[in-house]
Structures are given as structure tokens and as C-alpha cells.
């Protein structure tokens, strides 16, 4: 997990650095490039935990999870049950998640990191799935109360190989219950395909 997080963190830092340097060295920009010290200070200031990070505090803790997967809204879903542990890391900059599920007599794990990108003014999430073997990265926006998060997504269907567009909605129904619903757009119609309900462990 630490290796993955370090790699993701390094890649993100390099992307930010490259973007800043590109903007600073454009030929049509007569401004003097910032010093390395000024750049490092700007990066550190942007990375400081702020009010938006506080909206992620509700996710922290130990949870019991029920996940449902539909391929046809008219049929019963596949169901997986599991647990998740979420905690603050890196001085309150990210919420790290580790989870374990069981479905059909098989177990699989998941990992994730939630954070807030001050530069883009969006929440960000990285998910690693031990079932499908992929790494997903999404940006999300939230309401002012931090009770509803939403992001758009694109996924590759493992059966058809086609790219499927979708939308994920996260509803914080209270301090002890969070519902994540995912919808796919199929033939121009939005259909609910996944639901993950987290209930805080007592």
C-alpha cells in the first residue's frame, strides 16, 4: 500500500510541477520564472489541509459494507458484504481506505485514497480493486454541507470491451451511514448498476 501511495503521490507532484514550469516558461509570458524555493512554497501551501478536507472527516472509522451489482434492473443483484477501515494520513491531507469483501464464496480486497485538490477545487479519489484488477481515478464536486458528492466516470466493460460512461453519487445520510450509487448511461438512458452502503461499526 505504501509503495502504491508513494508512486501515486510522486506522479501527482511531478504533474503539478511540470504544469507550473510549463506555464512559467511559455514564450509569450515575459514574467521571470519562479525560484525553486518559491515553487516549493506554493506547492506546500496548496497542499495544506483546509475547510474542504473537513468534509471528508465523516468517512473516517470502521464500517460494515453491503455492495449490490445489477446487470439488469429487472433482476436481483449480486451481493457482496465486507468491512472497511478509513483513517487520516499525511497530516490530515488524505483519507486512506482498506476494505475486504466476500461474494459467491470468494474474497477480494480494495484500497483507496480520498483527498481534495486545492488547485482544481475538486475532491479526488483513487481506488484500487482486487476483483477487477484496475486503478480508477476520479474528481468529484460536493455541496456546501458536504453531504452529497458527485463525479462522472468512464469504465471499460470486461465483457464487451466498450467504454461505458457513468455517474457516481455519494450521499452522507448521517454520521453512521453513507450510500454510494453508480449509474451507467446505456442507449441514452441512465441505469443504476451499483450500490455500496457503509454503516458505521459500533
C-alpha atoms as a PDB file:
ATOM      1  CA  UNK A   1       0.000   0.000   0.000  1.00  0.00           C
ATOM      2  CA  UNK A   2       2.767   2.433   0.932  1.00  0.00           C
ATOM      3  CA  UNK A   3       4.537   1.753  -2.366  1.00  0.00           C
ATOM      4  CA  UNK A   4       1.357   2.466  -4.336  1.00  0.00           C
ATOM      5  CA  UNK A   5       0.634   5.644  -2.397  1.00  0.00           C
ATOM      6  CA  UNK A   6       4.208   6.887  -2.824  1.00  0.00           C
ATOM      7  CA  UNK A   7       4.067   6.219  -6.563  1.00  0.00           C
ATOM      8  CA  UNK A   8       0.740   7.985  -6.923  1.00  0.00           C
ATOM      9  CA  UNK A   9       1.956  10.900  -4.817  1.00  0.00           C
ATOM     10  CA  UNK A  10       5.163  11.241  -6.806  1.00  0.00           C
ATOM     11  CA  UNK A  11       3.286  11.146 -10.108  1.00  0.00           C
ATOM     12  CA  UNK A  12       0.847  13.813  -8.927  1.00  0.00           C
ATOM     13  CA  UNK A  13       3.644  16.048  -7.662  1.00  0.00           C
ATOM     14  CA  UNK A  14       5.539  15.719 -10.944  1.00  0.00           C
ATOM     15  CA  UNK A  15       2.390  16.535 -12.911  1.00  0.00           C
ATOM     16  CA  UNK A  16       1.827  19.695 -10.864  1.00  0.00           C
ATOM     17  CA  UNK A  17       5.491  20.643 -11.154  1.00  0.00           C
ATOM     18  CA  UNK A  18       5.511  20.112 -14.913  1.00  0.00           C
ATOM     19  CA  UNK A  19       2.364  22.211 -15.310  1.00  0.00           C
ATOM     20  CA  UNK A  20       3.774  25.071 -13.275  1.00  0.00           C
ATOM     21  CA  UNK A  21       7.080  25.041 -15.114  1.00  0.00           C
ATOM     22  CA  UNK A  22       5.311  24.911 -18.479  1.00  0.00           C
ATOM     23  CA  UNK A  23       3.237  27.951 -17.623  1.00  0.00           C
ATOM     24  CA  UNK A  24       6.277  29.771 -16.275  1.00  0.00           C
ATOM     25  CA  UNK A  25       8.425  29.180 -19.371  1.00  0.00           C
ATOM     26  CA  UNK A  26       5.923  29.902 -22.148  1.00  0.00           C
ATOM     27  CA  UNK A  27       7.444  32.169 -24.792  1.00  0.00           C
ATOM     28  CA  UNK A  28       4.515  34.603 -24.666  1.00  0.00           C
ATOM     29  CA  UNK A  29       4.930  35.082 -20.922  1.00  0.00           C
ATOM     30  CA  UNK A  30       7.622  37.706 -20.221  1.00  0.00           C
ATOM     31  CA  UNK A  31       7.458  37.123 -16.471  1.00  0.00           C
ATOM     32  CA  UNK A  32      10.526  35.872 -14.643  1.00  0.00           C
ATOM     33  CA  UNK A  33      10.264  32.159 -13.782  1.00  0.00           C
ATOM     34  CA  UNK A  34       9.714  31.489 -10.079  1.00  0.00           C
ATOM     35  CA  UNK A  35      12.621  30.308  -7.994  1.00  0.00           C
ATOM     36  CA  UNK A  36      12.650  26.661  -6.869  1.00  0.00           C
ATOM     37  CA  UNK A  37      12.083  27.854  -3.318  1.00  0.00           C
ATOM     38  CA  UNK A  38       9.010  29.862  -4.357  1.00  0.00           C
ATOM     39  CA  UNK A  39       7.644  26.881  -6.263  1.00  0.00           C
ATOM     40  CA  UNK A  40       8.121  24.536  -3.321  1.00  0.00           C
ATOM     41  CA  UNK A  41       6.398  27.027  -1.014  1.00  0.00           C
ATOM     42  CA  UNK A  42       3.459  27.346  -3.420  1.00  0.00           C
ATOM     43  CA  UNK A  43       3.119  23.557  -3.605  1.00  0.00           C
ATOM     44  CA  UNK A  44       3.246  23.260   0.185  1.00  0.00           C
ATOM     45  CA  UNK A  45       0.642  26.000   0.629  1.00  0.00           C
ATOM     46  CA  UNK A  46      -1.668  24.335  -1.891  1.00  0.00           C
ATOM     47  CA  UNK A  47      -1.321  21.017  -0.069  1.00  0.00           C
ATOM     48  CA  UNK A  48      -2.250  22.278   3.387  1.00  0.00           C
ATOM     49  CA  UNK A  49      -5.437  20.753   4.832  1.00  0.00           C
ATOM     50  CA  UNK A  50      -8.301  23.222   4.761  1.00  0.00           C
ATOM     51  CA  UNK A  51     -12.061  23.503   5.262  1.00  0.00           C
ATOM     52  CA  UNK A  52     -12.827  21.177   2.345  1.00  0.00           C
ATOM     53  CA  UNK A  53     -10.799  18.395   3.936  1.00  0.00           C
ATOM     54  CA  UNK A  54     -13.101  18.584   6.948  1.00  0.00           C
ATOM     55  CA  UNK A  55     -15.933  17.333   4.738  1.00  0.00           C
ATOM     56  CA  UNK A  56     -14.084  14.017   4.459  1.00  0.00           C
ATOM     57  CA  UNK A  57     -13.919  13.523   8.218  1.00  0.00           C
ATOM     58  CA  UNK A  58     -17.252  11.675   8.227  1.00  0.00           C
ATOM     59  CA  UNK A  59     -15.698   8.863   6.162  1.00  0.00           C
ATOM     60  CA  UNK A  60     -13.129   8.038   8.867  1.00  0.00           C
ATOM     61  CA  UNK A  61     -13.766   4.967  11.022  1.00  0.00           C
ATOM     62  CA  UNK A  62     -14.649   1.289  10.793  1.00  0.00           C
ATOM     63  CA  UNK A  63     -17.551   0.267   8.596  1.00  0.00           C
ATOM     64  CA  UNK A  64     -19.713  -2.705   7.632  1.00  0.00           C
ATOM     65  CA  UNK A  65     -20.404  -2.675   3.906  1.00  0.00           C
ATOM     66  CA  UNK A  66     -23.084  -4.173   1.669  1.00  0.00           C
ATOM     67  CA  UNK A  67     -22.491  -3.878  -2.077  1.00  0.00           C
ATOM     68  CA  UNK A  68     -25.004  -4.682  -4.822  1.00  0.00           C
ATOM     69  CA  UNK A  69     -24.359  -5.122  -8.546  1.00  0.00           C
ATOM     70  CA  UNK A  70     -27.073  -5.097 -11.210  1.00  0.00           C
ATOM     71  CA  UNK A  71     -26.726  -6.111 -14.856  1.00  0.00           C
ATOM     72  CA  UNK A  72     -30.487  -5.910 -15.391  1.00  0.00           C
ATOM     73  CA  UNK A  73     -32.650  -3.597 -13.256  1.00  0.00           C
ATOM     74  CA  UNK A  74     -35.455  -6.123 -13.554  1.00  0.00           C
ATOM     75  CA  UNK A  75     -33.429  -8.898 -11.916  1.00  0.00           C
ATOM     76  CA  UNK A  76     -31.997  -9.431  -8.455  1.00  0.00           C
ATOM     77  CA  UNK A  77     -28.469  -8.031  -7.938  1.00  0.00           C
ATOM     78  CA  UNK A  78     -25.318  -9.871  -6.959  1.00  0.00           C
ATOM     79  CA  UNK A  79     -24.479  -9.051  -3.348  1.00  0.00           C
ATOM     80  CA  UNK A  80     -21.111  -8.721  -1.613  1.00  0.00           C
ATOM     81  CA  UNK A  81     -20.585  -7.995   2.068  1.00  0.00           C
ATOM     82  CA  UNK A  82     -17.479  -6.770   3.806  1.00  0.00           C
ATOM     83  CA  UNK A  83     -15.740  -4.323   6.077  1.00  0.00           C
ATOM     84  CA  UNK A  84     -13.683  -1.170   5.592  1.00  0.00           C
ATOM     85  CA  UNK A  85     -11.292   0.862   7.679  1.00  0.00           C
ATOM     86  CA  UNK A  86     -10.701   4.521   6.822  1.00  0.00           C
ATOM     87  CA  UNK A  87      -8.202   6.820   8.519  1.00  0.00           C
ATOM     88  CA  UNK A  88      -6.455  10.153   8.019  1.00  0.00           C
ATOM     89  CA  UNK A  89      -2.888  10.005   6.692  1.00  0.00           C
ATOM     90  CA  UNK A  90      -0.191  12.522   5.744  1.00  0.00           C
ATOM     91  CA  UNK A  91      -1.146  15.083   8.360  1.00  0.00           C
ATOM     92  CA  UNK A  92      -4.840  15.212   7.504  1.00  0.00           C
ATOM     93  CA  UNK A  93      -4.343  15.543   3.754  1.00  0.00           C
ATOM     94  CA  UNK A  94      -5.864  12.221   2.701  1.00  0.00           C
ATOM     95  CA  UNK A  95      -8.268   9.572   3.964  1.00  0.00           C
ATOM     96  CA  UNK A  96      -6.885   6.098   3.324  1.00  0.00           C
ATOM     97  CA  UNK A  97      -9.277   3.165   2.919  1.00  0.00           C
ATOM     98  CA  UNK A  98      -8.639  -0.577   3.132  1.00  0.00           C
ATOM     99  CA  UNK A  99     -11.529  -2.979   2.583  1.00  0.00           C
ATOM    100  CA  UNK A 100     -12.269  -6.680   2.272  1.00  0.00           C
ATOM    101  CA  UNK A 101     -15.338  -8.247   0.651  1.00  0.00           C
ATOM    102  CA  UNK A 102     -16.868 -11.671   0.215  1.00  0.00           C
ATOM    103  CA  UNK A 103     -19.111 -12.622  -2.707  1.00  0.00           C
ATOM    104  CA  UNK A 104     -20.041 -16.050  -4.024  1.00  0.00           C
ATOM    105  CA  UNK A 105     -17.701 -17.762  -1.595  1.00  0.00           C
ATOM    106  CA  UNK A 106     -14.707 -15.727  -2.760  1.00  0.00           C
ATOM    107  CA  UNK A 107     -12.947 -12.849  -1.040  1.00  0.00           C
ATOM    108  CA  UNK A 108     -11.250  -9.819  -2.557  1.00  0.00           C
ATOM    109  CA  UNK A 109      -9.684  -6.628  -1.268  1.00  0.00           C
ATOM    110  CA  UNK A 110      -9.843  -2.975  -2.126  1.00  0.00           C
ATOM    111  CA  UNK A 111      -7.798   0.123  -1.336  1.00  0.00           C
ATOM    112  CA  UNK A 112      -8.418   3.785  -1.831  1.00  0.00           C
ATOM    113  CA  UNK A 113      -7.360   7.332  -1.066  1.00  0.00           C
ATOM    114  CA  UNK A 114      -9.676  10.356  -0.773  1.00  0.00           C
ATOM    115  CA  UNK A 115      -8.451  13.925  -0.840  1.00  0.00           C
ATOM    116  CA  UNK A 116      -9.028  17.473  -2.014  1.00  0.00           C
ATOM    117  CA  UNK A 117      -7.152  19.138  -4.868  1.00  0.00           C
ATOM    118  CA  UNK A 118      -6.984  22.824  -3.944  1.00  0.00           C
ATOM    119  CA  UNK A 119      -5.634  23.763  -7.365  1.00  0.00           C
ATOM    120  CA  UNK A 120      -8.581  22.289  -9.239  1.00  0.00           C
ATOM    121  CA  UNK A 121     -11.010  22.905  -6.370  1.00  0.00           C
ATOM    122  CA  UNK A 122     -12.291  19.356  -6.612  1.00  0.00           C
ATOM    123  CA  UNK A 123     -12.283  16.295  -4.418  1.00  0.00           C
ATOM    124  CA  UNK A 124     -10.209  13.433  -5.746  1.00  0.00           C
ATOM    125  CA  UNK A 125     -10.355   9.679  -5.252  1.00  0.00           C
ATOM    126  CA  UNK A 126      -8.071   6.821  -6.254  1.00  0.00           C
ATOM    127  CA  UNK A 127      -9.476   3.285  -5.989  1.00  0.00           C
ATOM    128  CA  UNK A 128      -7.586   0.003  -6.380  1.00  0.00           C
ATOM    129  CA  UNK A 129      -9.840  -3.027  -6.904  1.00  0.00           C
ATOM    130  CA  UNK A 130      -8.629  -6.539  -6.111  1.00  0.00           C
ATOM    131  CA  UNK A 131     -11.554  -8.071  -8.018  1.00  0.00           C
ATOM    132  CA  UNK A 132     -11.289  -6.374 -11.403  1.00  0.00           C
ATOM    133  CA  UNK A 133      -7.586  -5.537 -11.137  1.00  0.00           C
ATOM    134  CA  UNK A 134      -7.792  -1.889 -12.108  1.00  0.00           C
ATOM    135  CA  UNK A 135      -6.936   1.511 -10.668  1.00  0.00           C
ATOM    136  CA  UNK A 136      -9.579   4.220 -11.026  1.00  0.00           C
ATOM    137  CA  UNK A 137      -9.110   7.952 -10.523  1.00  0.00           C
ATOM    138  CA  UNK A 138     -11.984  10.411 -10.366  1.00  0.00           C
ATOM    139  CA  UNK A 139     -12.618  14.034  -9.489  1.00  0.00           C
ATOM    140  CA  UNK A 140     -15.790  14.981  -7.612  1.00  0.00           C
ATOM    141  CA  UNK A 141     -17.661  18.059  -6.514  1.00  0.00           C
ATOM    142  CA  UNK A 142     -19.616  18.413  -3.276  1.00  0.00           C
ATOM    143  CA  UNK A 143     -22.399  20.553  -1.922  1.00  0.00           C
ATOM    144  CA  UNK A 144     -21.608  23.161   0.701  1.00  0.00           C
ATOM    145  CA  UNK A 145     -22.705  20.895   3.559  1.00  0.00           C
ATOM    146  CA  UNK A 146     -20.510  18.013   2.434  1.00  0.00           C
ATOM    147  CA  UNK A 147     -23.481  15.636   2.380  1.00  0.00           C
ATOM    148  CA  UNK A 148     -23.516  14.953  -1.365  1.00  0.00           C
ATOM    149  CA  UNK A 149     -20.583  14.233  -3.677  1.00  0.00           C
ATOM    150  CA  UNK A 150     -20.848  13.531  -7.397  1.00  0.00           C
ATOM    151  CA  UNK A 151     -18.457  12.637 -10.204  1.00  0.00           C
ATOM    152  CA  UNK A 152     -18.630  11.434 -13.793  1.00  0.00           C
ATOM    153  CA  UNK A 153     -16.674   8.404 -14.974  1.00  0.00           C
ATOM    154  CA  UNK A 154     -15.746   6.186 -17.893  1.00  0.00           C
ATOM    155  CA  UNK A 155     -15.243   2.436 -17.487  1.00  0.00           C
ATOM    156  CA  UNK A 156     -14.266  -0.380 -19.798  1.00  0.00           C
ATOM    157  CA  UNK A 157     -16.784  -3.239 -19.831  1.00  0.00           C
ATOM    158  CA  UNK A 158     -14.847  -6.504 -19.261  1.00  0.00           C
ATOM    159  CA  UNK A 159     -17.323  -8.425 -21.440  1.00  0.00           C
ATOM    160  CA  UNK A 160     -17.710  -6.164 -24.488  1.00  0.00           C
ATOM    161  CA  UNK A 161     -14.532  -4.102 -24.179  1.00  0.00           C
ATOM    162  CA  UNK A 162     -16.577  -0.958 -24.799  1.00  0.00           C
ATOM    163  CA  UNK A 163     -16.213   2.279 -22.853  1.00  0.00           C
ATOM    164  CA  UNK A 164     -19.270   2.961 -20.713  1.00  0.00           C
ATOM    165  CA  UNK A 165     -19.952   6.428 -19.364  1.00  0.00           C
ATOM    166  CA  UNK A 166     -21.400   6.786 -15.903  1.00  0.00           C
ATOM    167  CA  UNK A 167     -22.001   8.866 -12.807  1.00  0.00           C
ATOM    168  CA  UNK A 168     -21.353   8.182  -9.135  1.00  0.00           C
ATOM    169  CA  UNK A 169     -23.314   9.826  -6.350  1.00  0.00           C
ATOM    170  CA  UNK A 170     -22.242   9.703  -2.696  1.00  0.00           C
ATOM    171  CA  UNK A 171     -24.874  10.592  -0.094  1.00  0.00           C
ATOM    172  CA  UNK A 172     -23.825  11.105   3.510  1.00  0.00           C
ATOM    173  CA  UNK A 173     -27.130  10.257   5.174  1.00  0.00           C
ATOM    174  CA  UNK A 174     -25.717  10.803   8.638  1.00  0.00           C
ATOM    175  CA  UNK A 175     -22.617  10.236  10.703  1.00  0.00           C
ATOM    176  CA  UNK A 176     -23.209   6.464  10.650  1.00  0.00           C
ATOM    177  CA  UNK A 177     -24.474   5.763   7.115  1.00  0.00           C
ATOM    178  CA  UNK A 178     -23.075   6.545   3.651  1.00  0.00           C
ATOM    179  CA  UNK A 179     -24.648   5.390   0.384  1.00  0.00           C
ATOM    180  CA  UNK A 180     -22.713   5.281  -2.880  1.00  0.00           C
ATOM    181  CA  UNK A 181     -24.799   4.790  -6.040  1.00  0.00           C
ATOM    182  CA  UNK A 182     -23.339   4.330  -9.516  1.00  0.00           C
ATOM    183  CA  UNK A 183     -25.313   4.852 -12.712  1.00  0.00           C
ATOM    184  CA  UNK A 184     -24.332   3.855 -16.254  1.00  0.00           C
ATOM    185  CA  UNK A 185     -25.696   5.561 -19.361  1.00  0.00           C
ATOM    186  CA  UNK A 186     -26.891   2.849 -21.736  1.00  0.00           C
ATOM    187  CA  UNK A 187     -28.643   3.729 -25.014  1.00  0.00           C
ATOM    188  CA  UNK A 188     -29.110   7.251 -23.726  1.00  0.00           C
ATOM    189  CA  UNK A 189     -30.801   6.095 -20.523  1.00  0.00           C
ATOM    190  CA  UNK A 190     -29.275   6.271 -17.038  1.00  0.00           C
ATOM    191  CA  UNK A 191     -29.497   2.955 -15.179  1.00  0.00           C
ATOM    192  CA  UNK A 192     -28.412   2.214 -11.622  1.00  0.00           C
ATOM    193  CA  UNK A 193     -25.824  -0.568 -11.700  1.00  0.00           C
ATOM    194  CA  UNK A 194     -24.118  -0.463  -8.285  1.00  0.00           C
ATOM    195  CA  UNK A 195     -24.900   0.462  -4.716  1.00  0.00           C
ATOM    196  CA  UNK A 196     -22.498   0.406  -1.778  1.00  0.00           C
ATOM    197  CA  UNK A 197     -23.891   1.084   1.680  1.00  0.00           C
ATOM    198  CA  UNK A 198     -21.482   1.766   4.552  1.00  0.00           C
ATOM    199  CA  UNK A 199     -22.813   1.505   8.109  1.00  0.00           C
ATOM    200  CA  UNK A 200     -20.510   2.559  10.922  1.00  0.00           C
ATOM    201  CA  UNK A 201     -19.460  -0.290  13.202  1.00  0.00           C
ATOM    202  CA  UNK A 202     -20.419   0.222  16.835  1.00  0.00           C
END
